[in-house]
Amino acid sequence: MSKAAQSSLTKFAAGTTTEEVVQTAVLDLGTSNQKTELVRDGIEEFQAMASYIGDMVPSIPEPERYPYNNVFYQLVTGEFEDRAVKASVAQNAAHHAVDMFTSHAQRGDHGDRPDLGNGSFLKLTNQDFELVENDTGYGFKASFIRYNPIWFHVNTTPHSREYLERVFDGDADTGSCVLHVTDDGDVRAHLAVKWPVEVYEPHDVSTHVGVDIGENVLYAAAAVSGDGVAGVKMESGREFRHHREQLQQKRYRLSEKGDLRGVKACRGDIERYTDHVLHTASKEVVEFARDHTPCVIVLEDLTGYRETADDPIHDWPFADLQTKIAYKATAEGIPVELINPRNTSIRCRKCGQATPEFRDGADFKCRRCGYEVHADVNAAINIGQAYPDQNQ
């Protein structure tokens, strides 16, 4: 938690609760053909062992179907005596299979067993990998093959660097890790990072930071308290849309030429650029909220919005941005709440009249009271003002 957030919480007298934040840091690991193949081999064995245990679970009495039952470990090690992976990885595979089987049954899913053995990942406990800080940044040692640990350089991004710094500053601990190999042959580690935070109760605060997201404007954030507005922050989406469209056009041209390798590389460029933009935007939103603590961040519940809205957001990863905002906010001790998006974009925040004609692109002008403002700012204020009325 930042010093600013700690200071705000110290001054704030309302109720708080301590929660453990668990977030995923995606580490891009510098690899070689040989290292990538070793990871692929490990994934193949892990999935084969998980599939085997999935087949065996029905033969075990229900009271004994818990992940840490040593019977499952004995079954998998007995069947895979010539495995290349360590015993701990075999145990992880057994745990994973039993967990999946139990969850499958609890959900009441149809079929005798969950789909096991077709995944593209390898689970490691924090005993099977090591993170180090060195002169070139960070290193990652994966010890899933017996007697043959594999070292990778971590190609950091702003998103992953933030979590790694927390770990090496002693503010966070690492949990389990999942290794993936992408279609392009890249190796990525999805690392669980966890730390305790003090989060204050949303109903105890009077300042609400409403956040409206979109494409033309990536986000508009407004800090409101009652009828007053303490601050506004906006970020244009013009540059993001332009650059993304250029990458998409490049991908289309490569596809027309039949350059499949180029298409895959371009797809990765789009994903990496989008993730960078979302990381930056979510960080800015939370920093804005932090300047107005104690507060609650209010987002629209956009479940099903693509299918039901008259003007849906076609290709904007709003769910990813909202998720990143929620993760970062919780890490700063700021609660996040959702409200119904009904009429937030067309309702005048001054007089409350809601009419579609009031909004014309980026402009909002109320014909009832004459209020004029940027349309996304008006929406952000409405979002902030809607809480907690819709949640009571």
Protein backbone atom coordinates (compact mmCIF):
# COMPACT_ATOMS: atom_id res chain seq x y z
CA MET A 1 0.00 0.00 0.00
CA SER A 2 1.32 3.44 -0.83
CA LYS A 3 2.21 5.99 1.82
CA ALA A 4 -0.60 8.24 0.57
CA ALA A 5 -3.16 5.49 1.08
CA GLN A 6 -1.76 4.63 4.49
CA SER A 7 -1.94 8.27 5.54
CA SER A 8 -5.56 8.55 4.40
CA LEU A 9 -6.54 5.42 6.27
CA THR A 10 -4.80 6.63 9.42
CA LYS A 11 -6.87 9.82 9.39
CA PHE A 12 -10.06 7.98 8.51
CA ALA A 13 -12.09 6.84 11.53
CA ALA A 14 -14.72 4.65 9.86
CA GLY A 15 -14.74 0.86 9.90
CA THR A 16 -12.00 -1.04 8.12
CA THR A 17 -11.26 -4.68 7.46
CA THR A 18 -8.03 -6.45 6.59
CA GLU A 19 -8.12 -8.52 3.44
CA GLU A 20 -5.52 -10.57 1.61
CA VAL A 21 -5.07 -9.38 -1.94
CA VAL A 22 -4.10 -12.10 -4.40
CA GLN A 23 -3.23 -10.91 -7.88
CA THR A 24 -1.58 -12.50 -10.89
CA ALA A 25 1.65 -11.16 -12.31
CA VAL A 26 2.24 -12.35 -15.87
CA LEU A 27 5.99 -12.74 -16.37
CA ASP A 28 7.34 -12.88 -19.93
CA LEU A 29 10.32 -15.26 -19.68
CA GLY A 30 13.23 -14.95 -22.08
CA THR A 31 13.60 -18.39 -23.59
CA SER A 32 15.33 -20.52 -26.22
CA ASN A 33 14.11 -23.41 -28.37
CA GLN A 34 15.65 -25.89 -25.95
CA LYS A 35 14.09 -24.28 -22.87
CA THR A 36 10.71 -23.98 -24.56
CA GLU A 37 10.73 -27.68 -25.45
CA LEU A 38 11.57 -28.60 -21.86
CA VAL A 39 8.59 -26.58 -20.66
CA ARG A 40 6.37 -28.24 -23.29
CA ASP A 41 7.55 -31.66 -22.08
CA GLY A 42 6.74 -30.69 -18.50
CA ILE A 43 3.28 -29.49 -19.50
CA GLU A 44 2.62 -32.71 -21.39
CA GLU A 45 3.56 -34.86 -18.40
CA PHE A 46 1.61 -32.69 -15.97
CA GLN A 47 -1.53 -32.91 -18.10
CA ALA A 48 -1.14 -36.67 -18.62
CA MET A 49 -0.87 -37.24 -14.88
CA ALA A 50 -3.87 -34.99 -14.16
CA SER A 51 -5.90 -36.88 -16.75
CA TYR A 52 -4.92 -40.22 -15.25
CA ILE A 53 -5.97 -39.16 -11.75
CA GLY A 54 -9.22 -37.88 -13.23
CA ASP A 55 -9.88 -41.39 -14.49
CA MET A 56 -9.08 -42.87 -11.07
CA VAL A 57 -11.16 -40.54 -8.89
CA PRO A 58 -14.51 -42.36 -9.47
CA SER A 59 -12.96 -45.55 -8.05
CA ILE A 60 -12.09 -43.80 -4.76
CA PRO A 61 -14.82 -43.61 -2.07
CA GLU A 62 -16.27 -40.09 -1.85
CA PRO A 63 -15.12 -39.42 1.75
CA GLU A 64 -11.53 -40.00 0.57
CA ARG A 65 -11.71 -37.67 -2.44
CA TYR A 66 -9.74 -34.75 -1.05
CA PRO A 67 -6.65 -33.28 -2.74
CA TYR A 68 -4.10 -34.13 -0.06
CA ASN A 69 -5.05 -37.77 0.23
CA ASN A 70 -1.74 -39.59 -0.27
CA VAL A 71 -3.52 -42.32 -2.25
CA PHE A 72 -3.70 -40.05 -5.30
CA TYR A 73 0.00 -39.24 -5.11
CA GLN A 74 0.85 -42.93 -4.86
CA LEU A 75 -1.36 -43.68 -7.85
CA VAL A 76 0.25 -41.12 -10.10
CA THR A 77 3.85 -41.90 -9.08
CA GLY A 78 3.19 -45.60 -9.48
CA GLU A 79 1.79 -45.14 -13.00
CA PHE A 80 4.45 -42.61 -14.09
CA GLU A 81 7.61 -44.17 -12.68
CA ASP A 82 9.70 -43.00 -15.64
CA ARG A 83 8.47 -39.40 -15.51
CA ALA A 84 10.90 -36.55 -16.12
CA VAL A 85 9.24 -34.12 -13.71
CA LYS A 86 9.89 -33.96 -9.98
CA ALA A 87 7.74 -35.73 -7.40
CA SER A 88 6.34 -32.38 -6.25
CA VAL A 89 4.99 -31.70 -9.76
CA ALA A 90 3.35 -35.12 -9.80
CA GLN A 91 1.73 -34.24 -6.50
CA ASN A 92 0.57 -30.89 -7.95
CA ALA A 93 -1.03 -32.76 -10.87
CA ALA A 94 -2.90 -35.04 -8.47
CA HIS A 95 -4.08 -32.09 -6.37
CA HIS A 96 -5.19 -30.21 -9.46
CA ALA A 97 -7.16 -33.18 -10.82
CA VAL A 98 -8.98 -33.82 -7.53
CA ASP A 99 -9.76 -30.11 -7.08
CA MET A 100 -11.18 -29.92 -10.60
CA PHE A 101 -13.19 -33.11 -10.09
CA THR A 102 -14.63 -31.84 -6.79
CA SER A 103 -15.54 -28.44 -8.24
CA HIS A 104 -17.13 -30.15 -11.25
CA ALA A 105 -19.34 -32.26 -8.97
CA GLN A 106 -20.26 -29.34 -6.68
CA ARG A 107 -21.43 -27.29 -9.66
CA GLY A 108 -23.66 -30.15 -10.75
CA ASP A 109 -22.08 -30.24 -14.21
CA HIS A 110 -23.16 -33.06 -16.44
CA GLY A 111 -20.81 -35.90 -17.29
CA ASP A 112 -18.76 -38.27 -15.21
CA ARG A 113 -15.66 -36.11 -14.95
CA PRO A 114 -14.29 -32.70 -15.89
CA ASP A 115 -12.18 -32.15 -18.99
CA LEU A 116 -8.66 -32.99 -17.84
CA GLY A 117 -5.49 -33.54 -19.82
CA ASN A 118 -6.16 -31.02 -22.59
CA GLY A 119 -4.72 -27.96 -20.88
CA SER A 120 -1.62 -26.05 -21.90
CA PHE A 121 -0.16 -25.30 -18.49
CA LEU A 122 2.04 -26.68 -15.75
CA LYS A 123 1.39 -25.81 -12.09
CA LEU A 124 4.29 -25.22 -9.72
CA THR A 125 4.28 -24.58 -5.97
CA ASN A 126 6.52 -21.87 -4.56
CA GLN A 127 8.99 -24.64 -3.70
CA ASP A 128 9.45 -25.40 -7.42
CA PHE A 129 10.55 -21.95 -8.59
CA GLU A 130 12.73 -19.10 -7.43
CA LEU A 131 12.77 -15.40 -8.22
CA VAL A 132 16.02 -13.47 -7.99
CA GLU A 133 16.99 -9.85 -8.47
CA ASN A 134 20.23 -9.28 -10.38
CA ASP A 135 22.19 -6.63 -12.30
CA THR A 136 20.06 -7.12 -15.43
CA GLY A 137 16.69 -7.05 -13.65
CA TYR A 138 15.05 -10.27 -12.52
CA GLY A 139 15.63 -13.96 -13.03
CA PHE A 140 13.26 -16.93 -12.72
CA LYS A 141 14.42 -20.48 -11.91
CA ALA A 142 11.94 -23.27 -12.67
CA SER A 143 12.75 -26.56 -10.95
CA PHE A 144 10.15 -28.93 -12.33
CA ILE A 145 12.52 -31.36 -14.08
CA ARG A 146 14.53 -33.63 -11.79
CA TYR A 147 18.14 -32.51 -11.38
CA ASN A 148 17.76 -29.90 -14.15
CA PRO A 149 16.58 -26.45 -13.04
CA ILE A 150 15.98 -24.00 -15.89
CA TRP A 151 16.90 -20.32 -15.61
CA PHE A 152 15.00 -17.61 -17.47
CA HIS A 153 15.51 -13.87 -17.70
CA VAL A 154 12.30 -11.98 -16.89
CA ASN A 155 11.37 -9.44 -19.58
CA THR A 156 9.50 -7.03 -17.34
CA THR A 157 6.55 -4.85 -18.24
CA PRO A 158 5.23 -1.99 -16.09
CA HIS A 159 2.53 -4.38 -14.86
CA SER A 160 4.89 -7.22 -13.83
CA ARG A 161 7.60 -4.90 -12.50
CA GLU A 162 5.12 -3.39 -10.05
CA TYR A 163 4.46 -6.81 -8.49
CA LEU A 164 8.09 -7.90 -8.51
CA GLU A 165 9.08 -4.74 -6.68
CA ARG A 166 6.49 -5.51 -4.02
CA VAL A 167 7.95 -8.99 -3.56
CA PHE A 168 11.56 -7.87 -3.29
CA ASP A 169 10.65 -4.93 -1.03
CA GLY A 170 9.21 -7.49 1.37
CA ASP A 171 5.64 -6.15 1.03
CA ALA A 172 4.25 -9.25 -0.73
CA ASP A 173 4.69 -13.00 -0.89
CA THR A 174 4.49 -15.36 -3.85
CA GLY A 175 2.04 -18.22 -4.09
CA SER A 176 1.76 -20.85 -6.79
CA CYS A 177 2.86 -20.37 -10.39
CA VAL A 178 1.55 -21.63 -13.72
CA LEU A 179 3.78 -21.98 -16.79
CA HIS A 180 2.35 -21.53 -20.29
CA VAL A 181 3.79 -21.80 -23.80
CA THR A 182 2.06 -19.52 -26.31
CA ASP A 183 1.35 -20.38 -29.94
CA ASP A 184 4.41 -18.30 -30.84
CA GLY A 185 6.67 -20.35 -28.56
CA ASP A 186 6.91 -17.72 -25.83
CA VAL A 187 7.06 -18.92 -22.23
CA ARG A 188 5.03 -17.07 -19.61
CA ALA A 189 4.74 -17.56 -15.88
CA HIS A 190 1.45 -16.60 -14.24
CA LEU A 191 2.58 -15.89 -10.71
CA ALA A 192 0.25 -15.44 -7.73
CA VAL A 193 1.35 -12.49 -5.59
CA LYS A 194 -0.38 -11.83 -2.27
CA TRP A 195 -0.26 -9.28 0.51
CA PRO A 196 -2.57 -7.98 3.29
CA VAL A 197 -4.33 -4.63 2.91
CA GLU A 198 -6.64 -2.60 5.09
CA VAL A 199 -9.79 -1.81 3.12
CA TYR A 200 -12.39 0.57 4.53
CA GLU A 201 -16.09 -0.14 4.31
CA PRO A 202 -17.70 1.50 1.26
CA HIS A 203 -20.86 2.55 3.10
CA ASP A 204 -18.78 4.57 5.56
CA VAL A 205 -17.38 7.02 3.01
CA SER A 206 -19.03 10.07 1.48
CA THR A 207 -16.83 10.59 -1.59
CA HIS A 208 -17.64 8.44 -4.62
CA VAL A 209 -15.37 8.27 -7.66
CA GLY A 210 -17.55 7.42 -10.64
CA VAL A 211 -15.72 5.98 -13.65
CA ASP A 212 -17.13 5.89 -17.18
CA ILE A 213 -15.17 3.91 -19.76
CA GLY A 214 -15.34 3.79 -23.55
CA GLU A 215 -13.36 4.02 -26.77
CA ASN A 216 -13.36 7.71 -27.71
CA VAL A 217 -12.51 8.49 -24.09
CA LEU A 218 -10.69 5.63 -22.39
CA TYR A 219 -12.05 6.75 -19.05
CA ALA A 220 -13.65 9.72 -17.37
CA ALA A 221 -13.42 9.80 -13.58
CA ALA A 222 -15.29 12.19 -11.31
CA ALA A 223 -14.98 12.51 -7.52
CA VAL A 224 -18.40 13.48 -6.16
CA SER A 225 -19.72 14.07 -2.68
CA GLY A 226 -23.42 14.71 -2.56
CA ASP A 227 -24.16 17.23 -5.31
CA GLY A 228 -20.61 18.59 -5.36
CA VAL A 229 -17.78 17.59 -7.69
CA ALA A 230 -14.31 17.61 -6.13
CA GLY A 231 -12.36 16.74 -9.27
CA VAL A 232 -12.47 15.29 -12.76
CA LYS A 233 -9.91 13.37 -14.83
CA MET A 234 -10.18 12.16 -18.44
CA GLU A 235 -8.01 10.28 -20.91
CA SER A 236 -8.62 10.40 -24.65
CA GLY A 237 -8.77 7.11 -26.53
CA ARG A 238 -7.83 8.63 -29.89
CA GLU A 239 -4.18 7.55 -29.86
CA PHE A 240 -5.05 4.06 -28.62
CA ARG A 241 -7.69 3.55 -31.30
CA HIS A 242 -5.40 4.87 -34.03
CA HIS A 243 -2.47 2.65 -33.08
CA ARG A 244 -4.66 -0.42 -32.61
CA GLU A 245 -6.31 0.13 -36.01
CA GLN A 246 -2.86 0.39 -37.62
CA LEU A 247 -1.84 -2.93 -36.05
CA GLN A 248 -5.09 -4.54 -37.18
CA GLN A 249 -4.59 -3.28 -40.74
CA LYS A 250 -1.05 -4.63 -40.69
CA ARG A 251 -2.35 -8.00 -39.53
CA TYR A 252 -4.95 -7.99 -42.33
CA ARG A 253 -2.29 -7.24 -44.95
CA LEU A 254 -0.08 -10.05 -43.65
CA SER A 255 -3.07 -12.40 -43.71
CA GLU A 256 -3.77 -11.46 -47.33
CA LYS A 257 -0.16 -12.37 -48.18
CA GLY A 258 -0.46 -15.68 -46.38
CA ASP A 259 2.24 -14.73 -43.85
CA LEU A 260 0.99 -16.77 -40.89
CA ARG A 261 4.12 -16.14 -38.82
CA GLY A 262 3.66 -12.40 -39.28
CA VAL A 263 -0.03 -12.64 -38.39
CA LYS A 264 0.79 -14.38 -35.10
CA ALA A 265 3.47 -11.84 -34.26
CA CYS A 266 1.12 -8.96 -35.03
CA ARG A 267 -1.61 -10.50 -32.90
CA GLY A 268 0.85 -10.56 -30.02
CA ASP A 269 1.71 -6.89 -30.67
CA ILE A 270 -1.98 -5.93 -30.41
CA GLU A 271 -2.43 -7.89 -27.19
CA ARG A 272 0.71 -6.44 -25.60
CA TYR A 273 -0.16 -2.88 -26.62
CA THR A 274 -3.72 -3.22 -25.35
CA ASP A 275 -2.52 -4.66 -22.04
CA HIS A 276 -0.06 -1.77 -21.64
CA VAL A 277 -2.79 0.81 -22.30
CA LEU A 278 -5.19 -0.87 -19.86
CA HIS A 279 -2.50 -1.08 -17.20
CA THR A 280 -1.69 2.61 -17.57
CA ALA A 281 -5.33 3.71 -17.63
CA SER A 282 -6.30 1.65 -14.58
CA LYS A 283 -3.29 2.92 -12.67
CA GLU A 284 -4.26 6.54 -13.43
CA VAL A 285 -7.84 5.97 -12.30
CA VAL A 286 -6.73 4.49 -8.98
CA GLU A 287 -4.16 7.28 -8.46
CA PHE A 288 -6.94 9.82 -9.03
CA ALA A 289 -9.13 8.02 -6.49
CA ARG A 290 -6.23 7.85 -4.05
CA ASP A 291 -6.00 11.65 -4.19
CA HIS A 292 -9.60 11.77 -2.94
CA THR A 293 -9.50 9.10 -0.23
CA PRO A 294 -11.36 8.06 1.75
CA CYS A 295 -13.60 7.15 -1.17
CA VAL A 296 -15.26 4.30 -3.01
CA ILE A 297 -14.74 3.70 -6.74
CA VAL A 298 -18.02 3.15 -8.54
CA LEU A 299 -18.16 1.26 -11.85
CA GLU A 300 -21.04 0.29 -14.09
CA ASP A 301 -22.15 -3.34 -14.05
CA LEU A 302 -21.85 -3.99 -17.78
CA THR A 303 -22.83 -7.68 -17.69
CA GLY A 304 -24.62 -8.42 -20.95
CA TYR A 305 -24.08 -4.86 -22.19
CA ARG A 306 -22.87 -6.00 -25.62
CA GLU A 307 -26.14 -7.79 -26.29
CA THR A 308 -28.64 -5.33 -24.85
CA ALA A 309 -27.36 -1.79 -25.40
CA ASP A 310 -28.54 0.32 -28.33
CA ASP A 311 -24.96 1.42 -28.92
CA PRO A 312 -22.79 -1.43 -27.56
CA ILE A 313 -19.06 -1.20 -27.07
CA HIS A 314 -17.99 -3.45 -29.92
CA ASP A 315 -14.30 -4.04 -29.49
CA TRP A 316 -13.30 -2.27 -26.30
CA PRO A 317 -11.99 -4.57 -23.53
CA PHE A 318 -14.00 -2.80 -20.84
CA ALA A 319 -14.11 -5.90 -18.63
CA ASP A 320 -10.30 -6.08 -18.55
CA LEU A 321 -10.04 -2.40 -17.64
CA GLN A 322 -12.61 -2.75 -14.87
CA THR A 323 -10.82 -5.82 -13.52
CA LYS A 324 -7.49 -3.99 -13.47
CA ILE A 325 -9.07 -1.00 -11.72
CA ALA A 326 -10.59 -3.31 -9.09
CA TYR A 327 -7.28 -5.13 -8.51
CA LYS A 328 -5.28 -1.94 -8.15
CA ALA A 329 -7.91 -0.25 -6.00
CA THR A 330 -8.09 -3.15 -3.55
CA ALA A 331 -4.32 -3.10 -3.31
CA GLU A 332 -4.57 0.54 -2.21
CA GLY A 333 -7.31 -0.18 0.34
CA ILE A 334 -10.03 1.44 -1.81
CA PRO A 335 -13.33 -0.44 -2.12
CA VAL A 336 -15.02 -0.88 -5.52
CA GLU A 337 -18.78 -1.09 -6.09
CA LEU A 338 -20.95 -1.72 -9.16
CA ILE A 339 -24.15 0.08 -10.14
CA ASN A 340 -26.77 -0.42 -12.83
CA PRO A 341 -25.73 1.56 -15.96
CA ARG A 342 -29.31 2.52 -16.82
CA ASN A 343 -29.49 6.12 -18.13
CA THR A 344 -26.06 7.15 -16.77
CA SER A 345 -25.01 8.47 -20.19
CA ILE A 346 -28.22 10.40 -20.99
CA ARG A 347 -29.32 11.72 -17.60
CA CYS A 348 -28.55 15.31 -16.64
CA ARG A 349 -26.57 15.20 -13.45
CA LYS A 350 -27.97 18.62 -12.43
CA CYS A 351 -31.75 18.22 -12.78
CA GLY A 352 -32.06 14.45 -13.26
CA GLN A 353 -33.92 14.56 -16.57
CA ALA A 354 -32.96 11.60 -18.81
CA THR A 355 -33.39 12.06 -22.56
CA PRO A 356 -31.27 10.53 -25.37
CA GLU A 357 -31.36 13.81 -27.32
CA PHE A 358 -29.37 15.54 -24.58
CA ARG A 359 -26.26 13.68 -25.68
CA ASP A 360 -24.66 14.38 -29.05
CA GLY A 361 -21.34 12.51 -29.31
CA ALA A 362 -18.96 14.08 -26.82
CA ASP A 363 -21.36 16.92 -25.99
CA PHE A 364 -24.08 16.90 -23.35
CA LYS A 365 -26.61 19.73 -23.14
CA CYS A 366 -29.73 19.52 -21.02
CA ARG A 367 -32.68 21.22 -22.73
CA ARG A 368 -34.51 21.38 -19.44
CA CYS A 369 -32.03 23.24 -17.21
CA GLY A 370 -29.36 24.28 -19.72
CA TYR A 371 -26.51 22.35 -18.10
CA GLU A 372 -23.63 21.71 -20.52
CA VAL A 373 -20.58 19.48 -20.02
CA HIS A 374 -18.54 16.78 -21.74
CA ALA A 375 -20.85 13.78 -22.10
CA ASP A 376 -18.43 11.32 -20.50
CA VAL A 377 -17.89 13.61 -17.51
CA ASN A 378 -21.63 13.84 -17.04
CA ALA A 379 -21.82 10.04 -17.14
CA ALA A 380 -18.98 9.67 -14.61
CA ILE A 381 -20.71 12.04 -12.20
CA ASN A 382 -23.99 10.15 -12.60
CA ILE A 383 -22.19 6.87 -11.90
CA GLY A 384 -20.66 8.27 -8.73
CA GLN A 385 -23.98 9.75 -7.57
CA ALA A 386 -25.85 6.49 -8.24
CA TYR A 387 -24.08 4.77 -5.34
CA PRO A 388 -25.28 3.80 -2.76
CA ASP A 389 -28.93 4.39 -3.75
CA GLN A 390 -28.97 1.37 -6.09
CA ASN A 391 -27.24 -0.83 -3.53
CA GLN A 392 -29.53 -0.26 -0.57
